[in-house]
PDB file of N, CA and C in Angstrom:
ATOM      1  N   UNK A   1       5.900 -10.211 -11.801  1.00  0.00           N
ATOM      2  CA  UNK A   1       4.548 -10.234 -11.244  1.00  0.00           C
ATOM      3  C   UNK A   1       3.904  -8.862 -11.417  1.00  0.00           C
ATOM      4  N   UNK A   2       2.714  -8.864 -11.951  1.00  0.00           N
ATOM      5  CA  UNK A   2       2.006  -7.607 -12.192  1.00  0.00           C
ATOM      6  C   UNK A   2       0.979  -7.391 -11.087  1.00  0.00           C
ATOM      7  N   UNK A   3       1.062  -6.282 -10.431  1.00  0.00           N
ATOM      8  CA  UNK A   3       0.128  -5.998  -9.342  1.00  0.00           C
ATOM      9  C   UNK A   3      -0.830  -4.894  -9.738  1.00  0.00           C
ATOM     10  N   UNK A   4      -2.092  -5.241  -9.879  1.00  0.00           N
ATOM     11  CA  UNK A   4      -3.132  -4.273 -10.212  1.00  0.00           C
ATOM     12  C   UNK A   4      -4.029  -4.076  -9.003  1.00  0.00           C
ATOM     13  N   UNK A   5      -4.641  -2.898  -8.911  1.00  0.00           N
ATOM     14  CA  UNK A   5      -5.601  -2.647  -7.836  1.00  0.00           C
ATOM     15  C   UNK A   5      -6.812  -3.560  -8.042  1.00  0.00           C
ATOM     16  N   UNK A   6      -7.194  -4.258  -6.983  1.00  0.00           N
ATOM     17  CA  UNK A   6      -8.301  -5.202  -7.042  1.00  0.00           C
ATOM     18  C   UNK A   6      -9.647  -4.487  -7.200  1.00  0.00           C
ATOM     19  N   UNK A   7      -9.709  -3.196  -6.867  1.00  0.00           N
ATOM     20  CA  UNK A   7     -10.957  -2.436  -6.972  1.00  0.00           C
ATOM     21  C   UNK A   7     -11.075  -1.717  -8.312  1.00  0.00           C
ATOM     22  N   UNK A   8     -10.131  -0.815  -8.602  1.00  0.00           N
ATOM     23  CA  UNK A   8     -10.265   0.024  -9.803  1.00  0.00           C
ATOM     24  C   UNK A   8      -9.469  -0.482 -11.002  1.00  0.00           C
ATOM     25  N   UNK A   9      -8.581  -1.452 -10.776  1.00  0.00           N
ATOM     26  CA  UNK A   9      -7.812  -2.014 -11.876  1.00  0.00           C
ATOM     27  C   UNK A   9      -6.548  -1.257 -12.244  1.00  0.00           C
ATOM     28  N   UNK A  10      -6.238  -0.169 -11.511  1.00  0.00           N
ATOM     29  CA  UNK A  10      -5.002   0.578 -11.796  1.00  0.00           C
ATOM     30  C   UNK A  10      -3.826  -0.395 -11.785  1.00  0.00           C
ATOM     31  N   UNK A  11      -2.985  -0.298 -12.835  1.00  0.00           N
ATOM     32  CA  UNK A  11      -1.887  -1.265 -12.900  1.00  0.00           C
ATOM     33  C   UNK A  11      -0.542  -0.636 -12.572  1.00  0.00           C
ATOM     34  N   UNK A  12       0.440  -1.490 -12.441  1.00  0.00           N
ATOM     35  CA  UNK A  12       1.814  -1.099 -12.122  1.00  0.00           C
ATOM     36  C   UNK A  12       1.892  -0.309 -10.812  1.00  0.00           C
ATOM     37  N   UNK A  13       1.349  -0.870  -9.746  1.00  0.00           N
ATOM     38  CA  UNK A  13       1.434  -0.226  -8.433  1.00  0.00           C
ATOM     39  C   UNK A  13       2.904  -0.173  -8.011  1.00  0.00           C
ATOM     40  N   UNK A  14       3.335   0.970  -7.459  1.00  0.00           N
ATOM     41  CA  UNK A  14       4.745   1.100  -7.100  1.00  0.00           C
ATOM     42  C   UNK A  14       5.069   0.329  -5.822  1.00  0.00           C
ATOM     43  N   UNK A  15       6.369   0.216  -5.532  1.00  0.00           N
ATOM     44  CA  UNK A  15       6.793  -0.629  -4.410  1.00  0.00           C
ATOM     45  C   UNK A  15       6.302  -0.103  -3.058  1.00  0.00           C
ATOM     46  N   UNK A  16       6.173   1.204  -2.905  1.00  0.00           N
ATOM     47  CA  UNK A  16       5.657   1.740  -1.647  1.00  0.00           C
ATOM     48  C   UNK A  16       4.186   1.383  -1.459  1.00  0.00           C
ATOM     49  N   UNK A  17       3.431   1.397  -2.550  1.00  0.00           N
ATOM     50  CA  UNK A  17       2.012   1.027  -2.478  1.00  0.00           C
ATOM     51  C   UNK A  17       1.880  -0.448  -2.120  1.00  0.00           C
ATOM     52  N   UNK A  18       2.683  -1.288  -2.750  1.00  0.00           N
ATOM     53  CA  UNK A  18       2.685  -2.724  -2.425  1.00  0.00           C
ATOM     54  C   UNK A  18       3.085  -2.907  -0.954  1.00  0.00           C
ATOM     55  N   UNK A  19       4.107  -2.155  -0.536  1.00  0.00           N
ATOM     56  CA  UNK A  19       4.596  -2.252   0.845  1.00  0.00           C
ATOM     57  C   UNK A  19       3.539  -1.889   1.872  1.00  0.00           C
ATOM     58  N   UNK A  20       2.817  -0.807   1.654  1.00  0.00           N
ATOM     59  CA  UNK A  20       1.803  -0.381   2.636  1.00  0.00           C
ATOM     60  C   UNK A  20       0.637  -1.366   2.661  1.00  0.00           C
ATOM     61  N   UNK A  21       0.300  -1.952   1.523  1.00  0.00           N
ATOM     62  CA  UNK A  21      -0.721  -2.997   1.489  1.00  0.00           C
ATOM     63  C   UNK A  21      -0.295  -4.166   2.373  1.00  0.00           C
ATOM     64  N   UNK A  22       0.948  -4.615   2.193  1.00  0.00           N
ATOM     65  CA  UNK A  22       1.445  -5.766   2.958  1.00  0.00           C
ATOM     66  C   UNK A  22       1.561  -5.432   4.443  1.00  0.00           C
ATOM     67  N   UNK A  23       1.994  -4.212   4.750  1.00  0.00           N
ATOM     68  CA  UNK A  23       2.182  -3.805   6.146  1.00  0.00           C
ATOM     69  C   UNK A  23       0.841  -3.780   6.886  1.00  0.00           C
ATOM     70  N   UNK A  24      -0.203  -3.273   6.227  1.00  0.00           N
ATOM     71  CA  UNK A  24      -1.498  -3.113   6.889  1.00  0.00           C
ATOM     72  C   UNK A  24      -2.365  -4.368   6.790  1.00  0.00           C
ATOM     73  N   UNK A  25      -2.336  -5.020   5.631  1.00  0.00           N
ATOM     74  CA  UNK A  25      -3.261  -6.136   5.391  1.00  0.00           C
ATOM     75  C   UNK A  25      -2.629  -7.506   5.592  1.00  0.00           C
ATOM     76  N   UNK A  26      -1.293  -7.556   5.736  1.00  0.00           N
ATOM     77  CA  UNK A  26      -0.609  -8.825   5.952  1.00  0.00           C
ATOM     78  C   UNK A  26       0.313  -9.152   4.790  1.00  0.00           C
ATOM     79  N   UNK A  27       1.468  -9.725   5.107  1.00  0.00           N
ATOM     80  CA  UNK A  27       2.486  -9.960   4.076  1.00  0.00           C
ATOM     81  C   UNK A  27       2.077 -11.014   3.056  1.00  0.00           C
ATOM     82  N   UNK A  28       1.101 -11.862   3.386  1.00  0.00           N
ATOM     83  CA  UNK A  28       0.723 -12.952   2.486  1.00  0.00           C
ATOM     84  C   UNK A  28      -0.435 -12.614   1.551  1.00  0.00           C
ATOM     85  N   UNK A  29      -0.845 -11.347   1.528  1.00  0.00           N
ATOM     86  CA  UNK A  29      -1.998 -10.980   0.688  1.00  0.00           C
ATOM     87  C   UNK A  29      -1.691 -11.166  -0.796  1.00  0.00           C
ATOM     88  N   UNK A  30      -2.717 -11.450  -1.564  1.00  0.00           N
ATOM     89  CA  UNK A  30      -2.548 -11.626  -3.002  1.00  0.00           C
ATOM     90  C   UNK A  30      -3.249 -10.526  -3.787  1.00  0.00           C
ATOM     91  N   UNK A  31      -4.166  -9.809  -3.146  1.00  0.00           N
ATOM     92  CA  UNK A  31      -4.882  -8.714  -3.800  1.00  0.00           C
ATOM     93  C   UNK A  31      -4.400  -7.386  -3.221  1.00  0.00           C
ATOM     94  N   UNK A  32      -4.062  -6.467  -4.111  1.00  0.00           N
ATOM     95  CA  UNK A  32      -3.538  -5.176  -3.684  1.00  0.00           C
ATOM     96  C   UNK A  32      -4.483  -4.050  -4.079  1.00  0.00           C
ATOM     97  N   UNK A  33      -4.419  -2.968  -3.308  1.00  0.00           N
ATOM     98  CA  UNK A  33      -5.214  -1.766  -3.564  1.00  0.00           C
ATOM     99  C   UNK A  33      -4.278  -0.637  -3.961  1.00  0.00           C
ATOM    100  N   UNK A  34      -4.708   0.238  -4.891  1.00  0.00           N
ATOM    101  CA  UNK A  34      -3.952   1.470  -5.124  1.00  0.00           C
ATOM    102  C   UNK A  34      -4.159   2.345  -3.882  1.00  0.00           C
ATOM    103  N   UNK A  35      -3.412   3.418  -3.756  1.00  0.00           N
ATOM    104  CA  UNK A  35      -3.525   4.248  -2.545  1.00  0.00           C
ATOM    105  C   UNK A  35      -4.929   4.829  -2.372  1.00  0.00           C
ATOM    106  N   UNK A  36      -5.555   5.243  -3.478  1.00  0.00           N
ATOM    107  CA  UNK A  36      -6.907   5.811  -3.379  1.00  0.00           C
ATOM    108  C   UNK A  36      -7.898   4.792  -2.829  1.00  0.00           C
ATOM    109  N   UNK A  37      -7.873   3.585  -3.397  1.00  0.00           N
ATOM    110  CA  UNK A  37      -8.825   2.548  -2.966  1.00  0.00           C
ATOM    111  C   UNK A  37      -8.493   2.033  -1.567  1.00  0.00           C
ATOM    112  N   UNK A  38      -7.199   1.942  -1.243  1.00  0.00           N
ATOM    113  CA  UNK A  38      -6.802   1.497   0.097  1.00  0.00           C
ATOM    114  C   UNK A  38      -7.271   2.503   1.149  1.00  0.00           C
ATOM    115  N   UNK A  39      -7.100   3.791   0.858  1.00  0.00           N
ATOM    116  CA  UNK A  39      -7.541   4.831   1.792  1.00  0.00           C
ATOM    117  C   UNK A  39      -9.052   4.727   2.013  1.00  0.00           C
ATOM    118  N   UNK A  40      -9.798   4.536   0.935  1.00  0.00           N
ATOM    119  CA  UNK A  40     -11.252   4.411   1.055  1.00  0.00           C
ATOM    120  C   UNK A  40     -11.615   3.158   1.861  1.00  0.00           C
ATOM    121  N   UNK A  41     -10.951   2.050   1.575  1.00  0.00           N
ATOM    122  CA  UNK A  41     -11.186   0.783   2.274  1.00  0.00           C
ATOM    123  C   UNK A  41     -10.925   0.919   3.775  1.00  0.00           C
ATOM    124  N   UNK A  42      -9.865   1.657   4.123  1.00  0.00           N
ATOM    125  CA  UNK A  42      -9.470   1.811   5.532  1.00  0.00           C
ATOM    126  C   UNK A  42     -10.168   2.983   6.221  1.00  0.00           C
ATOM    127  N   UNK A  43     -10.827   3.821   5.444  1.00  0.00           N
ATOM    128  CA  UNK A  43     -11.488   4.987   6.024  1.00  0.00           C
ATOM    129  C   UNK A  43     -10.513   6.068   6.445  1.00  0.00           C
ATOM    130  N   UNK A  44      -9.448   6.241   5.663  1.00  0.00           N
ATOM    131  CA  UNK A  44      -8.481   7.303   5.959  1.00  0.00           C
ATOM    132  C   UNK A  44      -8.190   8.050   4.662  1.00  0.00           C
ATOM    133  N   UNK A  45      -7.222   8.960   4.697  1.00  0.00           N
ATOM    134  CA  UNK A  45      -6.883   9.728   3.495  1.00  0.00           C
ATOM    135  C   UNK A  45      -5.590   9.183   2.875  1.00  0.00           C
ATOM    136  N   UNK A  46      -5.382   9.496   1.608  1.00  0.00           N
ATOM    137  CA  UNK A  46      -4.141   9.116   0.932  1.00  0.00           C
ATOM    138  C   UNK A  46      -2.955   9.777   1.637  1.00  0.00           C
ATOM    139  N   UNK A  47      -3.118  11.025   2.069  1.00  0.00           N
ATOM    140  CA  UNK A  47      -2.029  11.718   2.779  1.00  0.00           C
ATOM    141  C   UNK A  47      -1.631  10.984   4.050  1.00  0.00           C
ATOM    142  N   UNK A  48      -2.637  10.454   4.765  1.00  0.00           N
ATOM    143  CA  UNK A  48      -2.325   9.691   5.984  1.00  0.00           C
ATOM    144  C   UNK A  48      -1.528   8.431   5.639  1.00  0.00           C
ATOM    145  N   UNK A  49      -1.884   7.776   4.547  1.00  0.00           N
ATOM    146  CA  UNK A  49      -1.131   6.600   4.114  1.00  0.00           C
ATOM    147  C   UNK A  49       0.297   6.978   3.734  1.00  0.00           C
ATOM    148  N   UNK A  50       0.457   8.089   3.019  1.00  0.00           N
ATOM    149  CA  UNK A  50       1.798   8.541   2.630  1.00  0.00           C
ATOM    150  C   UNK A  50       2.641   8.874   3.862  1.00  0.00           C
ATOM    151  N   UNK A  51       2.016   9.481   4.873  1.00  0.00           N
ATOM    152  CA  UNK A  51       2.720   9.761   6.130  1.00  0.00           C
ATOM    153  C   UNK A  51       3.170   8.463   6.788  1.00  0.00           C
ATOM    154  N   UNK A  52       2.287   7.458   6.780  1.00  0.00           N
ATOM    155  CA  UNK A  52       2.605   6.155   7.372  1.00  0.00           C
ATOM    156  C   UNK A  52       3.768   5.500   6.636  1.00  0.00           C
ATOM    157  N   UNK A  53       3.749   5.595   5.297  1.00  0.00           N
ATOM    158  CA  UNK A  53       4.836   5.018   4.499  1.00  0.00           C
ATOM    159  C   UNK A  53       6.168   5.648   4.919  1.00  0.00           C
ATOM    160  N   UNK A  54       6.192   6.970   5.048  1.00  0.00           N
ATOM    161  CA  UNK A  54       7.421   7.661   5.464  1.00  0.00           C
ATOM    162  C   UNK A  54       7.856   7.221   6.860  1.00  0.00           C
ATOM    163  N   UNK A  55       6.870   7.080   7.758  1.00  0.00           N
ATOM    164  CA  UNK A  55       7.148   6.632   9.122  1.00  0.00           C
ATOM    165  C   UNK A  55       7.799   5.246   9.112  1.00  0.00           C
ATOM    166  N   UNK A  56       7.215   4.322   8.348  1.00  0.00           N
ATOM    167  CA  UNK A  56       7.743   2.962   8.282  1.00  0.00           C
ATOM    168  C   UNK A  56       9.138   2.947   7.663  1.00  0.00           C
ATOM    169  N   UNK A  57       9.377   3.804   6.673  1.00  0.00           N
ATOM    170  CA  UNK A  57      10.705   3.898   6.053  1.00  0.00           C
ATOM    171  C   UNK A  57      11.731   4.349   7.090  1.00  0.00           C
ATOM    172  N   UNK A  58      11.347   5.368   7.871  1.00  0.00           N
ATOM    173  CA  UNK A  58      12.258   5.891   8.898  1.00  0.00           C
ATOM    174  C   UNK A  58      12.553   4.835   9.962  1.00  0.00           C
ATOM    175  N   UNK A  59      11.576   3.962  10.224  1.00  0.00           N
ATOM    176  CA  UNK A  59      11.771   2.879  11.204  1.00  0.00           C
ATOM    177  C   UNK A  59      12.623   1.753  10.632  1.00  0.00           C
ATOM    178  N   UNK A  60      12.886   1.813   9.318  1.00  0.00           N
ATOM    179  CA  UNK A  60      13.683   0.775   8.690  1.00  0.00           C
ATOM    180  C   UNK A  60      12.904  -0.470   8.331  1.00  0.00           C
ATOM    181  N   UNK A  61      11.594  -0.355   8.169  1.00  0.00           N
ATOM    182  CA  UNK A  61      10.760  -1.502   7.820  1.00  0.00           C
ATOM    183  C   UNK A  61      11.248  -2.145   6.519  1.00  0.00           C
ATOM    184  N   UNK A  62      11.420  -3.462   6.541  1.00  0.00           N
ATOM    185  CA  UNK A  62      11.978  -4.175   5.383  1.00  0.00           C
ATOM    186  C   UNK A  62      11.063  -4.129   4.155  1.00  0.00           C
ATOM    187  N   UNK A  63       9.788  -3.789   4.323  1.00  0.00           N
ATOM    188  CA  UNK A  63       8.872  -3.712   3.188  1.00  0.00           C
ATOM    189  C   UNK A  63       9.093  -2.454   2.347  1.00  0.00           C
ATOM    190  N   UNK A  64       9.871  -1.524   2.885  1.00  0.00           N
ATOM    191  CA  UNK A  64      10.067  -0.236   2.196  1.00  0.00           C
ATOM    192  C   UNK A  64      11.534   0.052   1.891  1.00  0.00           C
ATOM    193  N   UNK A  65      12.318  -0.984   1.648  1.00  0.00           N
ATOM    194  CA  UNK A  65      13.742  -0.768   1.370  1.00  0.00           C
ATOM    195  C   UNK A  65      13.985  -0.696  -0.111  1.00  0.00           C
TER     196      UNK A  65
END
């Protein structure tokens, strides 16, 4: 399955990017955002998203294994 950003078209999104999309937008989503577009969509920074990804990993979230 090829996951491209629904906004800018960036392709080959990595597993952490897919994971944060699913964690924030819901596990059943079919459209994914790259980190830049997701940050803009959510009104936050890419660094904040990266911090969240690390936090979820430390919590053992199954989306980031």
